[in-house]
């Protein structure tokens, strides 16, 4: 029975991919790949906004594909992290990101990836006003990432975002860098074994995680030199 269920799931995924390819215009995959590369190569808010607009156009060109909406949400999230605009504007970007994420879910996107990105959006909400929002959004991050882990525990981005959440939680509440370190290490292990389901599938986070772990090494080196 388990084998039959897995076979049916594979067939359904294959049919879905075929349908997306059938409705996408010529050059769509190449355009998406190039735009994803752009997204992962800049931290400039103005450029990020232009890239988000490209994903909006891609969503119009391939209305059955969930990935343009997903990357639109991710681009808006990155814009929120990078912009120096006020809190209300940042919240507006995150409202737009959640709307795009809802559309990606309607198109039956990868549920684990969508939940991770939802958790990351909650984390961004928290970062806008930590003192006022920590009680609500820290809990929501943990809840939604727990759901993502239930769907697919091999997704390495779960451990990056969850580690970030613990990292910035005060030590008195069970957080802090040392409490977060095992999660980042777990993420490193998961990234080493991770294979994206397609060339356009979400594949971000490894550089950020490596940067986190490098900071631990540098801190240990400083302590050893004292």
Protein backbone atom coordinates (compact mmCIF):
# COMPACT_ATOMS: atom_id res chain seq x y z
CA UNK A 1 0.00 0.00 0.00
CA UNK A 2 2.83 2.40 0.93
CA UNK A 3 4.52 1.72 -2.41
CA UNK A 4 1.28 2.39 -4.27
CA UNK A 5 0.76 5.69 -2.45
CA UNK A 6 4.30 6.81 -3.29
CA UNK A 7 3.78 5.82 -6.93
CA UNK A 8 0.55 7.80 -7.14
CA UNK A 9 2.23 10.81 -5.55
CA UNK A 10 5.06 10.60 -8.09
CA UNK A 11 2.62 10.38 -10.99
CA UNK A 12 0.64 13.34 -9.66
CA UNK A 13 3.81 15.41 -9.30
CA UNK A 14 4.90 14.47 -12.82
CA UNK A 15 1.53 15.41 -14.28
CA UNK A 16 1.61 18.72 -12.40
CA UNK A 17 5.09 19.50 -13.73
CA UNK A 18 4.01 18.57 -17.25
CA UNK A 19 0.99 20.85 -16.99
CA UNK A 20 3.15 23.75 -15.86
CA UNK A 21 5.57 23.22 -18.73
CA UNK A 22 2.72 22.96 -21.20
CA UNK A 23 1.23 26.31 -20.18
CA UNK A 24 4.54 28.17 -19.85
CA UNK A 25 5.81 30.17 -22.85
CA UNK A 26 9.04 29.34 -24.67
CA UNK A 27 12.10 30.39 -22.70
CA UNK A 28 10.19 30.47 -19.42
CA UNK A 29 12.53 28.13 -17.52
CA UNK A 30 15.60 30.02 -18.68
CA UNK A 31 14.05 33.34 -17.68
CA UNK A 32 13.11 32.01 -14.25
CA UNK A 33 16.59 30.57 -13.69
CA UNK A 34 18.22 33.89 -14.63
CA UNK A 35 15.87 35.86 -12.37
CA UNK A 36 16.46 33.51 -9.43
CA UNK A 37 20.20 34.02 -9.92
CA UNK A 38 19.64 37.79 -9.84
CA UNK A 39 17.59 37.44 -6.66
CA UNK A 40 20.34 35.51 -4.94
CA UNK A 41 23.05 37.93 -6.07
CA UNK A 42 21.92 41.30 -4.72
CA UNK A 43 21.07 43.00 -1.47
CA UNK A 44 20.08 46.29 -3.07
CA UNK A 45 16.43 47.12 -2.27
CA UNK A 46 15.82 48.89 -5.59
CA UNK A 47 17.11 45.91 -7.55
CA UNK A 48 15.11 43.53 -5.38
CA UNK A 49 11.92 45.42 -6.19
CA UNK A 50 12.67 45.15 -9.92
CA UNK A 51 13.28 41.42 -9.54
CA UNK A 52 9.99 41.00 -7.68
CA UNK A 53 8.26 42.68 -10.63
CA UNK A 54 9.85 40.12 -12.97
CA UNK A 55 8.39 37.30 -10.90
CA UNK A 56 4.98 39.00 -11.02
CA UNK A 57 5.20 38.95 -14.82
CA UNK A 58 6.34 35.33 -14.75
CA UNK A 59 3.27 34.45 -12.67
CA UNK A 60 1.08 35.98 -15.38
CA UNK A 61 2.93 34.10 -18.11
CA UNK A 62 2.69 30.72 -16.30
CA UNK A 63 -0.45 30.95 -14.13
CA UNK A 64 -0.36 27.30 -13.02
CA UNK A 65 3.22 27.37 -11.71
CA UNK A 66 3.59 28.11 -7.99
CA UNK A 67 7.26 29.10 -8.18
CA UNK A 68 6.87 32.70 -9.45
CA UNK A 69 4.55 33.51 -6.53
CA UNK A 70 6.94 31.79 -4.13
CA UNK A 71 9.93 33.79 -5.36
CA UNK A 72 7.86 36.96 -5.40
CA UNK A 73 7.21 36.37 -1.68
CA UNK A 74 10.86 35.59 -1.02
CA UNK A 75 12.00 38.70 -2.89
CA UNK A 76 9.64 40.88 -0.86
CA UNK A 77 10.97 39.29 2.31
CA UNK A 78 14.55 40.11 1.30
CA UNK A 79 13.47 43.65 0.46
CA UNK A 80 12.12 44.00 3.99
CA UNK A 81 15.43 42.89 5.46
CA UNK A 82 17.50 45.22 3.26
CA UNK A 83 15.44 48.41 3.04
CA UNK A 84 15.87 51.33 5.43
CA UNK A 85 12.23 52.36 5.01
CA UNK A 86 9.95 52.75 8.01
CA UNK A 87 8.19 49.95 9.89
CA UNK A 88 4.82 50.54 8.22
CA UNK A 89 6.37 50.18 4.76
CA UNK A 90 8.19 47.01 5.79
CA UNK A 91 4.94 45.53 7.08
CA UNK A 92 3.33 46.41 3.76
CA UNK A 93 6.01 44.43 1.90
CA UNK A 94 5.37 41.49 4.20
CA UNK A 95 1.61 41.77 3.61
CA UNK A 96 2.34 41.48 -0.12
CA UNK A 97 4.68 38.55 0.54
CA UNK A 98 1.98 36.68 2.45
CA UNK A 99 -0.52 37.34 -0.35
CA UNK A 100 1.91 35.84 -2.88
CA UNK A 101 2.53 32.90 -0.56
CA UNK A 102 -1.21 32.28 -0.36
CA UNK A 103 -1.33 32.16 -4.16
CA UNK A 104 1.57 29.68 -4.23
CA UNK A 105 -0.31 27.49 -1.77
CA UNK A 106 -3.43 27.60 -3.94
CA UNK A 107 -1.29 26.30 -6.81
CA UNK A 108 -0.24 23.35 -4.63
CA UNK A 109 3.34 24.40 -4.10
CA UNK A 110 5.81 22.42 -1.99
CA UNK A 111 4.18 22.67 1.44
CA UNK A 112 7.42 22.36 3.39
CA UNK A 113 8.99 25.23 1.45
CA UNK A 114 5.89 27.38 1.81
CA UNK A 115 5.78 26.80 5.57
CA UNK A 116 9.47 27.65 5.95
CA UNK A 117 8.98 30.90 4.04
CA UNK A 118 5.93 31.69 6.16
CA UNK A 119 8.07 31.20 9.24
CA UNK A 120 10.72 33.49 7.80
CA UNK A 121 8.08 36.15 7.15
CA UNK A 122 6.93 35.88 10.77
CA UNK A 123 10.57 36.30 11.78
CA UNK A 124 10.78 39.47 9.70
CA UNK A 125 7.61 40.78 11.38
CA UNK A 126 9.26 40.18 14.73
CA UNK A 127 12.44 41.96 13.65
CA UNK A 128 10.55 45.13 12.80
CA UNK A 129 9.58 45.61 16.47
CA UNK A 130 11.15 42.93 18.70
CA UNK A 131 10.02 44.33 22.03
CA UNK A 132 6.37 44.55 21.01
CA UNK A 133 6.13 41.45 18.84
CA UNK A 134 8.38 38.79 20.34
CA UNK A 135 5.67 37.04 22.37
CA UNK A 136 3.44 36.56 19.33
CA UNK A 137 5.81 36.02 16.44
CA UNK A 138 8.51 33.95 18.10
CA UNK A 139 5.79 31.42 18.95
CA UNK A 140 4.37 31.53 15.43
CA UNK A 141 7.82 30.92 13.90
CA UNK A 142 8.30 27.83 16.05
CA UNK A 143 4.81 26.52 15.30
CA UNK A 144 4.99 26.87 11.52
CA UNK A 145 8.51 25.45 11.33
CA UNK A 146 7.36 22.50 13.40
CA UNK A 147 4.70 21.92 10.76
CA UNK A 148 7.33 22.19 8.00
CA UNK A 149 9.48 19.64 9.79
CA UNK A 150 6.51 17.31 10.01
CA UNK A 151 6.04 17.55 6.24
CA UNK A 152 9.70 17.17 5.30
CA UNK A 153 12.36 16.97 8.05
CA UNK A 154 15.15 16.86 5.44
CA UNK A 155 14.49 20.45 4.31
CA UNK A 156 17.65 22.29 5.45
CA UNK A 157 16.01 25.72 5.47
CA UNK A 158 13.91 24.66 8.47
CA UNK A 159 17.02 24.51 10.64
CA UNK A 160 18.41 27.81 9.38
CA UNK A 161 15.25 29.79 10.13
CA UNK A 162 14.59 27.99 13.41
CA UNK A 163 18.22 28.54 14.40
CA UNK A 164 17.83 32.26 13.66
CA UNK A 165 14.76 32.34 15.87
CA UNK A 166 16.60 30.74 18.79
CA UNK A 167 19.75 32.81 18.18
CA UNK A 168 17.93 36.10 18.74
CA UNK A 169 15.80 34.86 21.64
CA UNK A 170 17.15 36.07 25.00
CA UNK A 171 19.14 33.52 26.95
CA UNK A 172 16.75 33.78 29.90
CA UNK A 173 14.02 32.38 27.62
CA UNK A 174 16.10 29.46 26.38
CA UNK A 175 17.67 31.21 23.41
CA UNK A 176 21.00 32.70 22.48
CA UNK A 177 23.90 31.74 20.18
CA UNK A 178 24.89 28.57 22.00
CA UNK A 179 21.34 27.25 22.06
CA UNK A 180 21.03 27.93 18.32
CA UNK A 181 24.34 26.34 17.31
CA UNK A 182 23.08 22.70 17.18
CA UNK A 183 20.30 23.79 14.81
CA UNK A 184 22.77 25.48 12.47
CA UNK A 185 24.95 22.36 12.58
CA UNK A 186 21.92 20.23 11.76
CA UNK A 187 21.20 22.55 8.85
CA UNK A 188 24.74 22.13 7.56
CA UNK A 189 24.31 18.35 7.60
CA UNK A 190 20.97 18.63 5.82
CA UNK A 191 22.38 20.96 3.15
CA UNK A 192 25.20 18.49 2.45
CA UNK A 193 22.64 15.81 1.60
CA UNK A 194 20.02 18.07 -0.01
CA UNK A 195 19.04 17.72 -3.66
CA UNK A 196 16.56 20.28 -5.09
CA UNK A 197 13.56 18.65 -6.73
CA UNK A 198 14.16 20.68 -9.92
CA UNK A 199 16.59 23.33 -11.22
CA UNK A 200 14.10 26.07 -10.25
CA UNK A 201 13.19 24.68 -6.82
CA UNK A 202 14.06 26.69 -3.69
CA UNK A 203 17.75 26.31 -2.88
CA UNK A 204 18.61 29.35 -0.77
CA UNK A 205 20.05 29.59 2.73
CA UNK A 206 23.31 27.65 2.62
CA UNK A 207 25.53 30.73 2.43
CA UNK A 208 23.72 32.40 5.33
CA UNK A 209 24.05 29.25 7.41
CA UNK A 210 27.77 28.96 6.60
CA UNK A 211 28.19 32.57 7.69
CA UNK A 212 26.52 31.80 11.01
CA UNK A 213 28.81 28.84 11.66
CA UNK A 214 31.91 30.82 10.62
CA UNK A 215 31.01 33.43 13.24
CA UNK A 216 31.12 30.69 15.89
CA UNK A 217 34.58 29.66 14.70
CA UNK A 218 35.83 33.22 14.76
CA UNK A 219 34.43 33.76 18.25
CA UNK A 220 36.14 30.57 19.46
CA UNK A 221 39.42 31.76 17.93
CA UNK A 222 39.18 35.10 19.72
CA UNK A 223 38.48 33.37 23.03
CA UNK A 224 41.43 31.02 22.54
CA UNK A 225 43.76 33.94 21.82
CA UNK A 226 42.93 35.69 25.10
